[in-house]
Amino acid sequence: SVVDLLARWLQANPEMTVTVQGHADAGERRAQALSEARAKAVHARLVRRGVAAERLKIAGFGAEKPASPDATRKGRGLNRRVEFEVIKEVSFKDVILFKNGTAVPVDAQPIDALARRLAENPRVILKVMGHADTREEVEPRAQQELSLARARAVKRALMERGVPAGRLKIAGLGAAHPLAGTDNRRVSFAIRVR
């Protein structure tokens, strides 16, 4: 199966991580929750096959990113899917933190530094992944929305600093990936080189 192949590949490439991305068709009730459930089910299968959970991220996109028009049964079927984005994680010294319960960064300096790095490396595609803290929002849907708003805010700020939109991808991860002992009102990043 595709999951077995991916698990073997990840075991052979320990520096890589994967975002498991769930999707739904627009006609499904609770499309956001369904897309997240699909991603979590595949995540669990990968973990059972020996992939370390910390190398896997989960993102649910609801019906936001259709692969096909929803007008036909076949199209709807293609939209009920899980995709994988393989990424090589990188760390930046700067951390972008947010004010409690908002998508307002505490400090703009890390965004300035990131924009400079991206200008120096024009082949890099940056994925901005927003996070939320369970102390800010109790409901998973609210955590998802807040984390996505944070990713959008950083994307917008980078674009204002001259980074082309085509080099920036976003994802809201909710409170699914907390870092122990740190503030999870943050964004994290992954890069891909074209």
C-alpha atoms as a PDB file:
ATOM      1  CA  SER A   1       0.000   0.000   0.000  1.00  0.00           C
ATOM      2  CA  VAL A   2       0.992   3.659  -0.300  1.00  0.00           C
ATOM      3  CA  VAL A   3       1.187   3.889   3.500  1.00  0.00           C
ATOM      4  CA  ASP A   4       3.629   0.940   3.653  1.00  0.00           C
ATOM      5  CA  LEU A   5       5.805   2.480   0.943  1.00  0.00           C
ATOM      6  CA  LEU A   6       5.846   5.829   2.714  1.00  0.00           C
ATOM      7  CA  ALA A   7       6.681   4.190   6.063  1.00  0.00           C
ATOM      8  CA  ARG A   8       9.644   2.332   4.526  1.00  0.00           C
ATOM      9  CA  TRP A   9      10.846   5.474   2.776  1.00  0.00           C
ATOM     10  CA  LEU A  10      10.660   7.517   5.998  1.00  0.00           C
ATOM     11  CA  GLN A  11      12.616   4.856   7.868  1.00  0.00           C
ATOM     12  CA  ALA A  12      15.332   5.078   5.190  1.00  0.00           C
ATOM     13  CA  ASN A  13      15.334   8.922   5.295  1.00  0.00           C
ATOM     14  CA  PRO A  14      15.349   9.954   8.972  1.00  0.00           C
ATOM     15  CA  GLU A  15      15.912  13.662   8.242  1.00  0.00           C
ATOM     16  CA  MET A  16      12.543  13.957   6.527  1.00  0.00           C
ATOM     17  CA  THR A  17       9.110  14.539   8.002  1.00  0.00           C
ATOM     18  CA  VAL A  18       5.663  14.321   6.488  1.00  0.00           C
ATOM     19  CA  THR A  19       2.536  16.367   6.822  1.00  0.00           C
ATOM     20  CA  VAL A  20      -0.467  14.073   6.450  1.00  0.00           C
ATOM     21  CA  GLN A  21      -3.117  16.249   4.815  1.00  0.00           C
ATOM     22  CA  GLY A  22      -6.777  15.245   5.002  1.00  0.00           C
ATOM     23  CA  HIS A  23      -9.385  16.548   2.558  1.00  0.00           C
ATOM     24  CA  ALA A  24     -13.160  16.305   2.105  1.00  0.00           C
ATOM     25  CA  ASP A  25     -15.707  17.126  -0.553  1.00  0.00           C
ATOM     26  CA  ALA A  26     -17.900  20.184  -0.150  1.00  0.00           C
ATOM     27  CA  GLY A  27     -21.072  18.131   0.255  1.00  0.00           C
ATOM     28  CA  GLU A  28     -19.877  16.217   3.297  1.00  0.00           C
ATOM     29  CA  ARG A  29     -21.231  17.270   6.665  1.00  0.00           C
ATOM     30  CA  ARG A  30     -18.557  18.447   9.022  1.00  0.00           C
ATOM     31  CA  ALA A  31     -15.997  18.507   6.189  1.00  0.00           C
ATOM     32  CA  GLN A  32     -13.282  20.014   8.412  1.00  0.00           C
ATOM     33  CA  ALA A  33     -13.674  17.356  11.114  1.00  0.00           C
ATOM     34  CA  LEU A  34     -13.807  14.577   8.496  1.00  0.00           C
ATOM     35  CA  SER A  35     -10.636  15.782   6.808  1.00  0.00           C
ATOM     36  CA  GLU A  36      -8.844  15.868  10.167  1.00  0.00           C
ATOM     37  CA  ALA A  37     -10.143  12.373  11.036  1.00  0.00           C
ATOM     38  CA  ARG A  38      -8.850  11.027   7.706  1.00  0.00           C
ATOM     39  CA  ALA A  39      -5.413  12.512   8.344  1.00  0.00           C
ATOM     40  CA  LYS A  40      -5.355  11.139  11.901  1.00  0.00           C
ATOM     41  CA  ALA A  41      -6.292   7.630  10.700  1.00  0.00           C
ATOM     42  CA  VAL A  42      -3.406   7.574   8.222  1.00  0.00           C
ATOM     43  CA  HIS A  43      -1.095   9.085  10.866  1.00  0.00           C
ATOM     44  CA  ALA A  44      -1.994   6.201  13.197  1.00  0.00           C
ATOM     45  CA  ARG A  45      -1.252   3.633  10.454  1.00  0.00           C
ATOM     46  CA  LEU A  46       2.174   5.150   9.845  1.00  0.00           C
ATOM     47  CA  VAL A  47       2.974   5.101  13.568  1.00  0.00           C
ATOM     48  CA  ARG A  48       1.912   1.428  13.756  1.00  0.00           C
ATOM     49  CA  ARG A  49       4.373   0.750  10.932  1.00  0.00           C
ATOM     50  CA  GLY A  50       7.255   2.195  12.955  1.00  0.00           C
ATOM     51  CA  VAL A  51       7.378   5.866  11.953  1.00  0.00           C
ATOM     52  CA  ALA A  52       8.053   8.100  14.963  1.00  0.00           C
ATOM     53  CA  ALA A  53       4.997  10.239  15.688  1.00  0.00           C
ATOM     54  CA  GLU A  54       7.109  13.390  16.068  1.00  0.00           C
ATOM     55  CA  ARG A  55       8.093  13.080  12.393  1.00  0.00           C
ATOM     56  CA  LEU A  56       4.456  13.317  11.319  1.00  0.00           C
ATOM     57  CA  LYS A  57       2.257  16.375  11.295  1.00  0.00           C
ATOM     58  CA  ILE A  58      -1.477  16.398  10.699  1.00  0.00           C
ATOM     59  CA  ALA A  59      -3.444  18.984   8.752  1.00  0.00           C
ATOM     60  CA  GLY A  60      -7.117  18.938   7.847  1.00  0.00           C
ATOM     61  CA  PHE A  61      -8.185  21.189   4.993  1.00  0.00           C
ATOM     62  CA  GLY A  62     -11.893  20.395   4.874  1.00  0.00           C
ATOM     63  CA  ALA A  63     -13.176  21.175   1.376  1.00  0.00           C
ATOM     64  CA  GLU A  64     -10.762  24.129   0.891  1.00  0.00           C
ATOM     65  CA  LYS A  65      -8.452  22.409  -1.617  1.00  0.00           C
ATOM     66  CA  PRO A  66     -10.494  20.316  -4.038  1.00  0.00           C
ATOM     67  CA  ALA A  67      -8.589  18.044  -6.440  1.00  0.00           C
ATOM     68  CA  SER A  68     -11.593  17.931  -8.751  1.00  0.00           C
ATOM     69  CA  PRO A  69     -14.942  19.736  -9.159  1.00  0.00           C
ATOM     70  CA  ASP A  70     -17.634  18.365  -6.816  1.00  0.00           C
ATOM     71  CA  ALA A  71     -20.221  18.219  -9.642  1.00  0.00           C
ATOM     72  CA  THR A  72     -19.841  14.460 -10.246  1.00  0.00           C
ATOM     73  CA  ARG A  73     -19.626  11.395  -8.027  1.00  0.00           C
ATOM     74  CA  LYS A  74     -16.108  10.754  -9.348  1.00  0.00           C
ATOM     75  CA  GLY A  75     -15.084  14.333  -8.540  1.00  0.00           C
ATOM     76  CA  ARG A  76     -16.453  14.109  -5.011  1.00  0.00           C
ATOM     77  CA  GLY A  77     -14.603  10.806  -4.549  1.00  0.00           C
ATOM     78  CA  LEU A  78     -11.325  12.403  -5.624  1.00  0.00           C
ATOM     79  CA  ASN A  79     -11.821  15.143  -3.051  1.00  0.00           C
ATOM     80  CA  ARG A  80     -12.248  12.667  -0.171  1.00  0.00           C
ATOM     81  CA  ARG A  81      -8.568  11.922   0.117  1.00  0.00           C
ATOM     82  CA  VAL A  82      -5.357  12.103   2.102  1.00  0.00           C
ATOM     83  CA  GLU A  83      -2.199  13.558   0.590  1.00  0.00           C
ATOM     84  CA  PHE A  84       1.353  13.615   1.887  1.00  0.00           C
ATOM     85  CA  GLU A  85       3.751  16.519   1.837  1.00  0.00           C
ATOM     86  CA  VAL A  86       7.310  15.398   2.439  1.00  0.00           C
ATOM     87  CA  ILE A  87       9.430  18.096   3.994  1.00  0.00           C
ATOM     88  CA  LYS A  88      12.841  18.560   5.434  1.00  0.00           C
ATOM     89  CA  GLU A  89      12.443  20.454   8.664  1.00  0.00           C
ATOM     90  CA  VAL A  90      14.639  23.410   9.399  1.00  0.00           C
ATOM     91  CA  SER A  91      14.952  25.486  12.491  1.00  0.00           C
ATOM     92  CA  PHE A  92      15.393  29.215  12.679  1.00  0.00           C
ATOM     93  CA  LYS A  93      16.940  30.876  15.682  1.00  0.00           C
ATOM     94  CA  ASP A  94      14.095  33.333  15.670  1.00  0.00           C
ATOM     95  CA  VAL A  95      10.730  32.234  16.968  1.00  0.00           C
ATOM     96  CA  ILE A  96       7.563  34.024  15.991  1.00  0.00           C
ATOM     97  CA  LEU A  97       5.253  34.157  18.971  1.00  0.00           C
ATOM     98  CA  PHE A  98       1.755  35.599  19.130  1.00  0.00           C
ATOM     99  CA  LYS A  99      -0.277  37.527  21.636  1.00  0.00           C
ATOM    100  CA  ASN A 100      -2.668  35.323  23.565  1.00  0.00           C
ATOM    101  CA  GLY A 101      -5.766  34.415  21.575  1.00  0.00           C
ATOM    102  CA  THR A 102      -4.781  36.505  18.539  1.00  0.00           C
ATOM    103  CA  ALA A 103      -2.994  36.344  15.192  1.00  0.00           C
ATOM    104  CA  VAL A 104      -0.896  39.390  16.144  1.00  0.00           C
ATOM    105  CA  PRO A 105       2.856  38.652  16.414  1.00  0.00           C
ATOM    106  CA  VAL A 106       4.536  39.779  19.612  1.00  0.00           C
ATOM    107  CA  ASP A 107       7.568  41.068  17.667  1.00  0.00           C
ATOM    108  CA  ALA A 108       8.145  41.812  13.964  1.00  0.00           C
ATOM    109  CA  GLN A 109      11.947  41.341  14.043  1.00  0.00           C
ATOM    110  CA  PRO A 110      11.853  37.564  13.457  1.00  0.00           C
ATOM    111  CA  ILE A 111       9.648  38.141  10.411  1.00  0.00           C
ATOM    112  CA  ASP A 112      12.134  40.701   9.070  1.00  0.00           C
ATOM    113  CA  ALA A 113      15.001  38.217   9.551  1.00  0.00           C
ATOM    114  CA  LEU A 114      13.033  35.456   7.847  1.00  0.00           C
ATOM    115  CA  ALA A 115      12.227  37.694   4.870  1.00  0.00           C
ATOM    116  CA  ARG A 116      15.956  38.460   4.493  1.00  0.00           C
ATOM    117  CA  ARG A 117      16.829  34.737   4.541  1.00  0.00           C
ATOM    118  CA  LEU A 118      14.208  34.029   1.911  1.00  0.00           C
ATOM    119  CA  ALA A 119      15.568  36.852  -0.273  1.00  0.00           C
ATOM    120  CA  GLU A 120      19.041  35.275   0.001  1.00  0.00           C
ATOM    121  CA  ASN A 121      17.663  31.832  -0.945  1.00  0.00           C
ATOM    122  CA  PRO A 122      15.295  32.340  -3.891  1.00  0.00           C
ATOM    123  CA  ARG A 123      14.827  28.601  -4.551  1.00  0.00           C
ATOM    124  CA  VAL A 124      13.276  27.976  -1.122  1.00  0.00           C
ATOM    125  CA  ILE A 125       9.545  27.398  -0.773  1.00  0.00           C
ATOM    126  CA  LEU A 126       8.473  28.080   2.807  1.00  0.00           C
ATOM    127  CA  LYS A 127       5.587  26.399   4.543  1.00  0.00           C
ATOM    128  CA  VAL A 128       4.304  28.460   7.458  1.00  0.00           C
ATOM    129  CA  MET A 129       2.557  26.233  10.003  1.00  0.00           C
ATOM    130  CA  GLY A 130       0.447  27.960  12.627  1.00  0.00           C
ATOM    131  CA  HIS A 131      -0.054  26.533  16.107  1.00  0.00           C
ATOM    132  CA  ALA A 132      -2.364  27.278  19.001  1.00  0.00           C
ATOM    133  CA  ASP A 133      -2.180  26.589  22.701  1.00  0.00           C
ATOM    134  CA  THR A 134      -4.910  24.618  24.440  1.00  0.00           C
ATOM    135  CA  ARG A 135      -5.014  27.333  27.107  1.00  0.00           C
ATOM    136  CA  GLU A 136      -6.152  29.871  24.495  1.00  0.00           C
ATOM    137  CA  GLU A 137      -8.984  27.907  22.945  1.00  0.00           C
ATOM    138  CA  VAL A 138     -10.703  24.789  24.238  1.00  0.00           C
ATOM    139  CA  GLU A 139     -12.536  23.710  21.093  1.00  0.00           C
ATOM    140  CA  PRO A 140     -10.401  21.963  18.415  1.00  0.00           C
ATOM    141  CA  ARG A 141     -12.145  23.880  15.622  1.00  0.00           C
ATOM    142  CA  ALA A 142     -11.306  27.214  17.282  1.00  0.00           C
ATOM    143  CA  GLN A 143      -7.690  26.057  17.773  1.00  0.00           C
ATOM    144  CA  GLN A 144      -7.540  25.135  14.072  1.00  0.00           C
ATOM    145  CA  GLU A 145      -8.946  28.498  12.991  1.00  0.00           C
ATOM    146  CA  LEU A 146      -6.595  30.459  15.252  1.00  0.00           C
ATOM    147  CA  SER A 147      -3.539  28.516  14.081  1.00  0.00           C
ATOM    148  CA  LEU A 148      -4.514  29.072  10.432  1.00  0.00           C
ATOM    149  CA  ALA A 149      -5.032  32.801  11.094  1.00  0.00           C
ATOM    150  CA  ARG A 150      -1.491  32.951  12.520  1.00  0.00           C
ATOM    151  CA  ALA A 151      -0.030  31.245   9.455  1.00  0.00           C
ATOM    152  CA  ARG A 152      -1.942  33.677   7.212  1.00  0.00           C
ATOM    153  CA  ALA A 153      -0.686  36.659   9.240  1.00  0.00           C
ATOM    154  CA  VAL A 154       2.946  35.596   8.803  1.00  0.00           C
ATOM    155  CA  LYS A 155       2.422  34.915   5.087  1.00  0.00           C
ATOM    156  CA  ARG A 156       0.878  38.377   4.661  1.00  0.00           C
ATOM    157  CA  ALA A 157       3.750  40.008   6.598  1.00  0.00           C
ATOM    158  CA  LEU A 158       6.354  38.207   4.456  1.00  0.00           C
ATOM    159  CA  MET A 159       4.572  39.270   1.268  1.00  0.00           C
ATOM    160  CA  GLU A 160       4.603  42.878   2.521  1.00  0.00           C
ATOM    161  CA  ARG A 161       8.389  42.463   2.825  1.00  0.00           C
ATOM    162  CA  GLY A 162       8.705  41.366  -0.805  1.00  0.00           C
ATOM    163  CA  VAL A 163       8.456  37.571  -0.631  1.00  0.00           C
ATOM    164  CA  PRO A 164       6.345  36.329  -3.579  1.00  0.00           C
ATOM    165  CA  ALA A 165       3.103  34.576  -2.590  1.00  0.00           C
ATOM    166  CA  GLY A 166       4.033  31.578  -4.750  1.00  0.00           C
ATOM    167  CA  ARG A 167       6.920  30.790  -2.413  1.00  0.00           C
ATOM    168  CA  LEU A 168       4.703  30.660   0.675  1.00  0.00           C
ATOM    169  CA  LYS A 169       2.358  27.859   1.708  1.00  0.00           C
ATOM    170  CA  ILE A 170       0.325  27.817   4.908  1.00  0.00           C
ATOM    171  CA  ALA A 171      -1.240  25.285   7.240  1.00  0.00           C
ATOM    172  CA  GLY A 172      -3.074  25.539  10.538  1.00  0.00           C
ATOM    173  CA  LEU A 173      -2.151  22.668  12.844  1.00  0.00           C
ATOM    174  CA  GLY A 174      -4.318  23.656  15.792  1.00  0.00           C
ATOM    175  CA  ALA A 175      -2.952  22.433  19.116  1.00  0.00           C
ATOM    176  CA  ALA A 176      -1.960  19.035  17.685  1.00  0.00           C
ATOM    177  CA  HIS A 177       1.823  19.587  17.906  1.00  0.00           C
ATOM    178  CA  PRO A 178       2.700  21.204  21.224  1.00  0.00           C
ATOM    179  CA  LEU A 179       6.320  21.703  22.191  1.00  0.00           C
ATOM    180  CA  ALA A 180       6.984  20.704  25.763  1.00  0.00           C
ATOM    181  CA  GLY A 181       7.994  23.551  28.030  1.00  0.00           C
ATOM    182  CA  THR A 182       7.408  26.285  25.465  1.00  0.00           C
ATOM    183  CA  ASP A 183       4.725  28.673  24.438  1.00  0.00           C
ATOM    184  CA  ASN A 184       2.693  27.123  21.636  1.00  0.00           C
ATOM    185  CA  ARG A 185       1.242  30.444  20.437  1.00  0.00           C
ATOM    186  CA  ARG A 186       3.645  30.279  17.504  1.00  0.00           C
ATOM    187  CA  VAL A 187       4.367  29.410  13.898  1.00  0.00           C
ATOM    188  CA  SER A 188       6.902  26.840  12.735  1.00  0.00           C
ATOM    189  CA  PHE A 189       8.396  26.405   9.312  1.00  0.00           C
ATOM    190  CA  ALA A 190       9.369  23.779   6.792  1.00  0.00           C
ATOM    191  CA  ILE A 191      11.221  24.343   3.563  1.00  0.00           C
ATOM    192  CA  ARG A 192      11.319  22.775   0.149  1.00  0.00           C
ATOM    193  CA  VAL A 193      13.947  23.651  -2.432  1.00  0.00           C
ATOM    194  CA  ARG A 194      12.815  23.797  -6.045  1.00  0.00           C
END
